[in-house]
N, C-alpha and C. Protein backbone atom coordinates (compact mmCIF):
# COMPACT_ATOMS: atom_id res chain seq x y z
N UNK A 1 -165.39 -54.71 201.65
CA UNK A 1 -164.72 -55.99 201.78
C UNK A 1 -164.67 -56.66 200.41
N UNK A 2 -163.50 -57.24 200.09
CA UNK A 2 -163.34 -57.91 198.80
C UNK A 2 -164.00 -59.27 198.80
N UNK A 3 -164.44 -59.65 197.62
CA UNK A 3 -165.03 -60.98 197.48
C UNK A 3 -163.92 -62.01 197.42
N UNK A 4 -164.13 -63.20 197.99
CA UNK A 4 -163.09 -64.23 197.97
C UNK A 4 -162.68 -64.63 196.56
N UNK A 5 -163.62 -64.62 195.63
CA UNK A 5 -163.30 -65.01 194.26
C UNK A 5 -162.34 -64.01 193.63
N UNK A 6 -162.54 -62.72 193.90
CA UNK A 6 -161.67 -61.67 193.37
C UNK A 6 -160.25 -61.83 193.92
N UNK A 7 -160.12 -62.12 195.19
CA UNK A 7 -158.80 -62.32 195.79
C UNK A 7 -158.12 -63.56 195.21
N UNK A 8 -158.88 -64.59 194.95
CA UNK A 8 -158.32 -65.80 194.36
C UNK A 8 -157.79 -65.56 192.96
N UNK A 9 -158.51 -64.74 192.19
CA UNK A 9 -158.05 -64.43 190.84
C UNK A 9 -156.78 -63.57 190.88
N UNK A 10 -156.71 -62.65 191.82
CA UNK A 10 -155.51 -61.82 191.97
C UNK A 10 -154.30 -62.67 192.33
N UNK A 11 -154.49 -63.57 193.26
CA UNK A 11 -153.39 -64.45 193.68
C UNK A 11 -152.95 -65.32 192.51
N UNK A 12 -153.88 -65.78 191.71
CA UNK A 12 -153.55 -66.63 190.56
C UNK A 12 -152.71 -65.86 189.55
N UNK A 13 -153.03 -64.58 189.33
CA UNK A 13 -152.24 -63.78 188.37
C UNK A 13 -150.82 -63.59 188.86
N UNK A 14 -150.65 -63.30 190.13
CA UNK A 14 -149.30 -63.11 190.68
C UNK A 14 -148.54 -64.43 190.65
N UNK A 15 -149.19 -65.51 191.05
CA UNK A 15 -148.53 -66.81 191.02
C UNK A 15 -148.15 -67.20 189.60
N UNK A 16 -148.98 -66.87 188.63
CA UNK A 16 -148.69 -67.18 187.24
C UNK A 16 -147.47 -66.40 186.75
N UNK A 17 -147.37 -65.13 187.13
CA UNK A 17 -146.22 -64.32 186.75
C UNK A 17 -144.94 -64.90 187.34
N UNK A 18 -144.97 -65.22 188.63
CA UNK A 18 -143.78 -65.78 189.28
C UNK A 18 -143.41 -67.12 188.66
N UNK A 19 -144.41 -67.93 188.36
CA UNK A 19 -144.14 -69.23 187.73
C UNK A 19 -143.50 -69.06 186.36
N UNK A 20 -143.95 -68.07 185.59
CA UNK A 20 -143.35 -67.83 184.26
C UNK A 20 -141.91 -67.38 184.39
N UNK A 21 -141.63 -66.49 185.35
CA UNK A 21 -140.24 -66.04 185.56
C UNK A 21 -139.35 -67.22 185.92
N UNK A 22 -139.81 -68.06 186.85
CA UNK A 22 -139.02 -69.22 187.26
C UNK A 22 -138.85 -70.22 186.12
N UNK A 23 -139.92 -70.46 185.36
CA UNK A 23 -139.85 -71.41 184.25
C UNK A 23 -138.87 -70.94 183.19
N UNK A 24 -139.02 -69.70 182.72
CA UNK A 24 -138.18 -69.22 181.64
C UNK A 24 -136.74 -68.99 182.09
N UNK A 25 -136.55 -68.61 183.35
CA UNK A 25 -135.18 -68.51 183.87
C UNK A 25 -134.50 -69.87 183.89
N UNK A 26 -135.25 -70.90 184.31
CA UNK A 26 -134.70 -72.26 184.33
C UNK A 26 -134.45 -72.79 182.94
N UNK A 27 -135.38 -72.54 182.01
CA UNK A 27 -135.21 -73.01 180.63
C UNK A 27 -134.02 -72.32 179.96
N UNK A 28 -133.94 -71.00 180.10
CA UNK A 28 -132.85 -70.27 179.48
C UNK A 28 -131.49 -70.68 180.05
N UNK A 29 -131.42 -70.83 181.37
CA UNK A 29 -130.15 -71.25 181.98
C UNK A 29 -129.79 -72.67 181.54
N UNK A 30 -130.77 -73.54 181.44
CA UNK A 30 -130.51 -74.90 180.97
C UNK A 30 -130.01 -74.91 179.54
N UNK A 31 -130.59 -74.07 178.69
CA UNK A 31 -130.14 -73.98 177.30
C UNK A 31 -128.72 -73.43 177.20
N UNK A 32 -128.40 -72.44 178.03
CA UNK A 32 -127.03 -71.91 178.04
C UNK A 32 -126.03 -72.99 178.46
N UNK A 33 -126.37 -73.74 179.48
CA UNK A 33 -125.49 -74.80 179.95
C UNK A 33 -125.34 -75.88 178.88
N UNK A 34 -126.43 -76.26 178.26
CA UNK A 34 -126.39 -77.27 177.21
C UNK A 34 -125.56 -76.79 176.02
N UNK A 35 -125.75 -75.53 175.62
CA UNK A 35 -124.97 -74.94 174.53
C UNK A 35 -123.49 -74.96 174.87
N UNK A 36 -123.15 -74.61 176.11
CA UNK A 36 -121.75 -74.63 176.53
C UNK A 36 -121.16 -76.03 176.51
N UNK A 37 -121.94 -77.01 176.93
CA UNK A 37 -121.47 -78.40 176.89
C UNK A 37 -121.24 -78.88 175.46
N UNK A 38 -122.17 -78.55 174.55
CA UNK A 38 -122.02 -78.93 173.15
C UNK A 38 -120.80 -78.23 172.54
N UNK A 39 -120.63 -76.95 172.84
CA UNK A 39 -119.49 -76.19 172.35
C UNK A 39 -118.17 -76.76 172.89
N UNK A 40 -118.18 -77.13 174.16
CA UNK A 40 -116.99 -77.73 174.78
C UNK A 40 -116.66 -79.05 174.10
N UNK A 41 -117.65 -79.84 173.82
CA UNK A 41 -117.45 -81.11 173.12
C UNK A 41 -116.90 -80.87 171.72
N UNK A 42 -117.41 -79.83 171.05
CA UNK A 42 -116.95 -79.51 169.71
C UNK A 42 -115.54 -78.97 169.66
N UNK A 43 -115.05 -78.41 170.75
CA UNK A 43 -113.70 -77.85 170.80
C UNK A 43 -112.67 -78.82 171.37
N UNK A 44 -112.99 -80.08 171.40
CA UNK A 44 -112.03 -81.05 171.91
C UNK A 44 -112.60 -81.87 173.03
N UNK A 45 -113.69 -81.44 173.53
CA UNK A 45 -114.39 -82.23 174.53
C UNK A 45 -113.70 -82.32 175.86
N UNK A 46 -113.96 -83.40 176.50
CA UNK A 46 -113.52 -83.58 177.87
C UNK A 46 -112.14 -84.23 177.94
N UNK A 47 -111.51 -84.47 176.78
CA UNK A 47 -110.18 -85.05 176.77
C UNK A 47 -109.11 -83.98 176.72
N UNK A 48 -109.51 -82.75 176.41
CA UNK A 48 -108.56 -81.66 176.25
C UNK A 48 -107.80 -81.37 177.54
N UNK A 49 -108.52 -81.10 178.60
CA UNK A 49 -107.89 -80.89 179.90
C UNK A 49 -108.91 -81.24 180.99
N UNK A 50 -108.39 -81.77 182.03
CA UNK A 50 -109.25 -82.11 183.16
C UNK A 50 -109.18 -80.98 184.16
N UNK A 51 -110.29 -80.70 184.77
CA UNK A 51 -110.34 -79.68 185.79
C UNK A 51 -109.87 -80.30 187.09
N UNK A 52 -108.65 -80.02 187.46
CA UNK A 52 -108.04 -80.63 188.64
C UNK A 52 -108.08 -79.62 189.78
N UNK A 53 -108.95 -79.85 190.71
CA UNK A 53 -109.03 -78.99 191.88
C UNK A 53 -108.20 -79.61 192.98
N UNK A 54 -107.03 -79.02 193.22
CA UNK A 54 -106.13 -79.55 194.24
C UNK A 54 -105.81 -78.44 195.22
N UNK A 55 -105.54 -78.85 196.42
CA UNK A 55 -105.11 -77.88 197.42
C UNK A 55 -103.66 -77.51 197.15
N UNK A 56 -103.32 -76.23 197.32
CA UNK A 56 -101.92 -75.86 197.10
C UNK A 56 -101.04 -76.52 198.17
N UNK A 57 -99.89 -77.01 197.74
CA UNK A 57 -98.99 -77.68 198.67
C UNK A 57 -98.05 -76.73 199.36
N UNK A 58 -97.91 -75.52 198.81
CA UNK A 58 -97.04 -74.53 199.45
C UNK A 58 -97.80 -73.22 199.61
N UNK A 59 -97.31 -72.43 200.53
CA UNK A 59 -97.98 -71.15 200.74
C UNK A 59 -97.58 -70.19 199.63
N UNK A 60 -98.42 -69.25 199.38
CA UNK A 60 -98.18 -68.28 198.32
C UNK A 60 -99.45 -68.07 197.55
N UNK A 61 -99.35 -67.35 196.45
CA UNK A 61 -100.56 -67.10 195.66
C UNK A 61 -101.09 -68.40 195.07
N UNK A 62 -102.35 -68.61 195.28
CA UNK A 62 -102.99 -69.83 194.78
C UNK A 62 -103.17 -69.72 193.27
N UNK A 63 -102.88 -70.80 192.59
CA UNK A 63 -103.05 -70.86 191.15
C UNK A 63 -104.39 -71.53 190.88
N UNK A 64 -105.23 -70.81 190.14
CA UNK A 64 -106.55 -71.37 189.82
C UNK A 64 -106.45 -72.23 188.58
N UNK A 65 -107.17 -73.33 188.58
CA UNK A 65 -107.22 -74.15 187.37
C UNK A 65 -107.93 -73.40 186.25
N UNK A 66 -107.67 -73.77 184.99
CA UNK A 66 -108.37 -73.09 183.89
C UNK A 66 -109.87 -73.36 183.96
N UNK A 67 -110.63 -72.36 183.60
CA UNK A 67 -112.08 -72.52 183.57
C UNK A 67 -112.77 -72.25 184.88
N UNK A 68 -112.06 -71.75 185.88
CA UNK A 68 -112.67 -71.41 187.16
C UNK A 68 -112.81 -69.89 187.21
N UNK A 69 -114.03 -69.43 187.29
CA UNK A 69 -114.32 -68.00 187.30
C UNK A 69 -114.75 -67.60 188.71
N UNK A 70 -114.20 -66.49 189.20
CA UNK A 70 -114.56 -66.06 190.56
C UNK A 70 -115.35 -64.77 190.56
N UNK A 71 -115.61 -64.19 189.39
CA UNK A 71 -116.41 -62.97 189.35
C UNK A 71 -117.18 -62.91 188.04
N UNK A 72 -118.22 -62.11 188.04
CA UNK A 72 -118.99 -61.90 186.82
C UNK A 72 -118.15 -61.21 185.76
N UNK A 73 -117.25 -60.35 186.19
CA UNK A 73 -116.35 -59.66 185.26
C UNK A 73 -115.52 -60.68 184.47
N UNK A 74 -115.02 -61.70 185.15
CA UNK A 74 -114.24 -62.74 184.48
C UNK A 74 -115.12 -63.54 183.51
N UNK A 75 -116.33 -63.85 183.92
CA UNK A 75 -117.24 -64.60 183.04
C UNK A 75 -117.52 -63.79 181.78
N UNK A 76 -117.87 -62.51 181.91
CA UNK A 76 -118.20 -61.70 180.74
C UNK A 76 -116.96 -61.45 179.89
N UNK A 77 -115.79 -61.33 180.53
CA UNK A 77 -114.55 -61.19 179.76
C UNK A 77 -114.27 -62.42 178.92
N UNK A 78 -114.49 -63.59 179.50
CA UNK A 78 -114.28 -64.84 178.75
C UNK A 78 -115.34 -65.03 177.67
N UNK A 79 -116.54 -64.51 177.89
CA UNK A 79 -117.59 -64.60 176.87
C UNK A 79 -117.30 -63.71 175.67
N UNK A 80 -116.57 -62.62 175.89
CA UNK A 80 -116.26 -61.72 174.78
C UNK A 80 -115.02 -62.15 174.01
N UNK A 81 -114.31 -63.17 174.49
CA UNK A 81 -113.11 -63.66 173.81
C UNK A 81 -113.50 -64.45 172.56
N UNK A 82 -112.56 -64.50 171.63
CA UNK A 82 -112.76 -65.28 170.41
C UNK A 82 -111.69 -66.34 170.34
N UNK A 83 -111.97 -67.58 170.25
CA UNK A 83 -113.29 -68.19 170.20
C UNK A 83 -113.96 -68.16 171.57
N UNK A 84 -115.25 -68.31 171.56
CA UNK A 84 -116.04 -68.28 172.79
C UNK A 84 -115.60 -69.40 173.73
N UNK A 85 -115.39 -69.05 174.98
CA UNK A 85 -115.00 -70.04 175.99
C UNK A 85 -116.26 -70.78 176.44
N UNK A 86 -116.37 -72.09 176.15
CA UNK A 86 -117.59 -72.81 176.52
C UNK A 86 -117.80 -72.89 178.02
N UNK A 87 -116.73 -72.91 178.80
CA UNK A 87 -116.89 -72.95 180.25
C UNK A 87 -117.46 -71.64 180.78
N UNK A 88 -117.16 -70.54 180.12
CA UNK A 88 -117.76 -69.26 180.50
C UNK A 88 -119.25 -69.25 180.20
N UNK A 89 -119.64 -69.87 179.09
CA UNK A 89 -121.06 -69.99 178.75
C UNK A 89 -121.79 -70.84 179.80
N UNK A 90 -121.17 -71.92 180.21
CA UNK A 90 -121.76 -72.76 181.26
C UNK A 90 -121.85 -71.98 182.57
N UNK A 91 -120.80 -71.21 182.88
CA UNK A 91 -120.82 -70.41 184.11
C UNK A 91 -121.94 -69.38 184.07
N UNK A 92 -122.16 -68.77 182.90
CA UNK A 92 -123.26 -67.80 182.77
C UNK A 92 -124.61 -68.48 182.98
N UNK A 93 -124.77 -69.70 182.46
CA UNK A 93 -126.00 -70.45 182.69
C UNK A 93 -126.22 -70.74 184.16
N UNK A 94 -125.15 -71.07 184.87
CA UNK A 94 -125.27 -71.36 186.30
C UNK A 94 -125.62 -70.08 187.08
N UNK A 95 -124.99 -68.96 186.69
CA UNK A 95 -125.31 -67.68 187.35
C UNK A 95 -126.78 -67.33 187.13
N UNK A 96 -127.25 -67.51 185.90
CA UNK A 96 -128.67 -67.22 185.62
C UNK A 96 -129.58 -68.13 186.43
N UNK A 97 -129.21 -69.39 186.54
CA UNK A 97 -130.00 -70.32 187.34
C UNK A 97 -130.05 -69.89 188.80
N UNK A 98 -128.95 -69.37 189.32
CA UNK A 98 -128.91 -68.94 190.71
C UNK A 98 -129.68 -67.64 190.96
N UNK A 99 -129.73 -66.74 189.97
CA UNK A 99 -130.44 -65.48 190.20
C UNK A 99 -131.90 -65.54 189.80
N UNK A 100 -132.34 -66.64 189.19
CA UNK A 100 -133.74 -66.76 188.78
C UNK A 100 -134.71 -66.60 189.95
N UNK A 101 -134.50 -67.22 191.11
CA UNK A 101 -135.43 -66.99 192.22
C UNK A 101 -135.44 -65.53 192.70
N UNK A 102 -134.30 -64.86 192.63
CA UNK A 102 -134.24 -63.45 193.00
C UNK A 102 -135.09 -62.64 192.03
N UNK A 103 -135.00 -62.95 190.74
CA UNK A 103 -135.82 -62.27 189.74
C UNK A 103 -137.31 -62.54 189.97
N UNK A 104 -137.64 -63.74 190.42
CA UNK A 104 -139.04 -64.07 190.72
C UNK A 104 -139.58 -63.22 191.86
N UNK A 105 -138.78 -63.06 192.90
CA UNK A 105 -139.21 -62.22 194.03
C UNK A 105 -139.30 -60.76 193.59
N UNK A 106 -138.33 -60.31 192.77
CA UNK A 106 -138.35 -58.93 192.29
C UNK A 106 -139.57 -58.67 191.42
N UNK A 107 -139.98 -59.65 190.63
CA UNK A 107 -141.18 -59.49 189.80
C UNK A 107 -142.45 -59.51 190.63
N UNK A 108 -142.40 -60.14 191.79
CA UNK A 108 -143.59 -60.23 192.64
C UNK A 108 -143.95 -58.89 193.27
N UNK A 109 -142.95 -58.06 193.56
CA UNK A 109 -143.22 -56.79 194.24
C UNK A 109 -144.16 -55.91 193.43
N UNK A 110 -143.83 -55.56 192.17
CA UNK A 110 -144.79 -54.72 191.42
C UNK A 110 -146.10 -55.44 191.12
N UNK A 111 -146.04 -56.76 190.99
CA UNK A 111 -147.28 -57.49 190.74
C UNK A 111 -148.23 -57.39 191.93
N UNK A 112 -147.68 -57.53 193.13
CA UNK A 112 -148.53 -57.38 194.33
C UNK A 112 -149.05 -55.96 194.45
N UNK A 113 -148.21 -54.97 194.15
CA UNK A 113 -148.67 -53.58 194.23
C UNK A 113 -149.75 -53.30 193.19
N UNK A 114 -149.61 -53.85 192.01
CA UNK A 114 -150.60 -53.66 190.97
C UNK A 114 -151.94 -54.28 191.37
N UNK A 115 -151.87 -55.37 192.11
CA UNK A 115 -153.10 -56.04 192.57
C UNK A 115 -153.65 -55.39 193.84
N UNK A 116 -152.94 -54.41 194.39
CA UNK A 116 -153.41 -53.72 195.58
C UNK A 116 -153.13 -54.45 196.88
N UNK A 117 -152.22 -55.38 196.85
CA UNK A 117 -151.89 -56.16 198.04
C UNK A 117 -150.56 -55.66 198.62
N UNK A 118 -150.66 -54.58 199.40
CA UNK A 118 -149.46 -53.94 199.95
C UNK A 118 -148.75 -54.82 200.97
N UNK A 119 -149.49 -55.60 201.72
CA UNK A 119 -148.88 -56.44 202.75
C UNK A 119 -147.90 -57.43 202.11
N UNK A 120 -148.33 -58.12 201.07
CA UNK A 120 -147.43 -59.08 200.41
C UNK A 120 -146.32 -58.39 199.64
N UNK A 121 -146.58 -57.18 199.14
CA UNK A 121 -145.52 -56.42 198.47
C UNK A 121 -144.42 -56.07 199.46
N UNK A 122 -144.80 -55.69 200.68
CA UNK A 122 -143.80 -55.38 201.71
C UNK A 122 -143.03 -56.64 202.10
N UNK A 123 -143.72 -57.76 202.24
CA UNK A 123 -143.05 -59.02 202.56
C UNK A 123 -142.07 -59.39 201.45
N UNK A 124 -142.49 -59.24 200.20
CA UNK A 124 -141.61 -59.55 199.07
C UNK A 124 -140.41 -58.60 199.05
N UNK A 125 -140.61 -57.33 199.38
CA UNK A 125 -139.50 -56.38 199.46
C UNK A 125 -138.51 -56.77 200.56
N UNK A 126 -139.00 -57.22 201.68
CA UNK A 126 -138.12 -57.67 202.77
C UNK A 126 -137.30 -58.87 202.32
N UNK A 127 -137.97 -59.84 201.70
CA UNK A 127 -137.26 -61.03 201.21
C UNK A 127 -136.24 -60.63 200.15
N UNK A 128 -136.61 -59.73 199.23
CA UNK A 128 -135.69 -59.29 198.19
C UNK A 128 -134.49 -58.57 198.79
N UNK A 129 -134.72 -57.72 199.78
CA UNK A 129 -133.60 -57.02 200.41
C UNK A 129 -132.67 -58.00 201.13
N UNK A 130 -133.23 -59.04 201.74
CA UNK A 130 -132.39 -60.04 202.39
C UNK A 130 -131.57 -60.82 201.36
N UNK A 131 -132.17 -61.17 200.24
CA UNK A 131 -131.44 -61.87 199.18
C UNK A 131 -130.32 -61.00 198.61
N UNK A 132 -130.61 -59.74 198.34
CA UNK A 132 -129.59 -58.84 197.80
C UNK A 132 -128.48 -58.56 198.82
N UNK A 133 -128.85 -58.41 200.08
CA UNK A 133 -127.84 -58.20 201.12
C UNK A 133 -126.93 -59.42 201.24
N UNK A 134 -127.49 -60.61 201.18
CA UNK A 134 -126.65 -61.80 201.27
C UNK A 134 -125.75 -61.92 200.06
N UNK A 135 -126.23 -61.52 198.88
CA UNK A 135 -125.39 -61.55 197.70
C UNK A 135 -124.23 -60.56 197.82
N UNK A 136 -124.51 -59.36 198.29
CA UNK A 136 -123.47 -58.35 198.43
C UNK A 136 -122.47 -58.72 199.54
N UNK A 137 -122.97 -59.25 200.64
CA UNK A 137 -122.08 -59.61 201.74
C UNK A 137 -121.22 -60.82 201.40
N UNK A 138 -121.69 -61.66 200.50
CA UNK A 138 -120.92 -62.83 200.10
C UNK A 138 -119.88 -62.50 199.05
N UNK A 139 -119.86 -61.27 198.57
CA UNK A 139 -118.87 -60.87 197.60
C UNK A 139 -119.31 -61.11 196.17
N UNK A 140 -120.57 -61.33 195.93
CA UNK A 140 -121.05 -61.63 194.59
C UNK A 140 -121.28 -60.40 193.73
N UNK A 141 -120.97 -59.22 194.22
CA UNK A 141 -121.21 -58.02 193.44
C UNK A 141 -120.08 -57.70 192.47
N UNK A 142 -119.00 -58.44 192.54
CA UNK A 142 -117.83 -58.13 191.70
C UNK A 142 -118.07 -58.45 190.27
């Protein structure tokens, strides 16, 4: 039987790892968003064009306003353009912010296995599979 102190130290190490993943994911995504905002301001700012989200008045192919990305492929394509599209940088920051909790759960699985806690590793795997399935079913894999 394990000592309670040993189990507490193991839990603290796993919690610390997950906390670092969440912290640095949030910090990095915030910096990307801030960089994109500063870049957008430097390229003409918010007076250049307004993002007008309107419903189409006629049937047919919907026209997307500039700066609206519907796939990761579009975001990365806009990031590789010269000059750098600041809205694509902001979109990348938002994507990183959204996947940070998924990365935290993914980091928890090997951490639990390393600590010998198979029960929590299986629970984390179930949660991770549900998160990935919801991402794929929602069309986020494009």
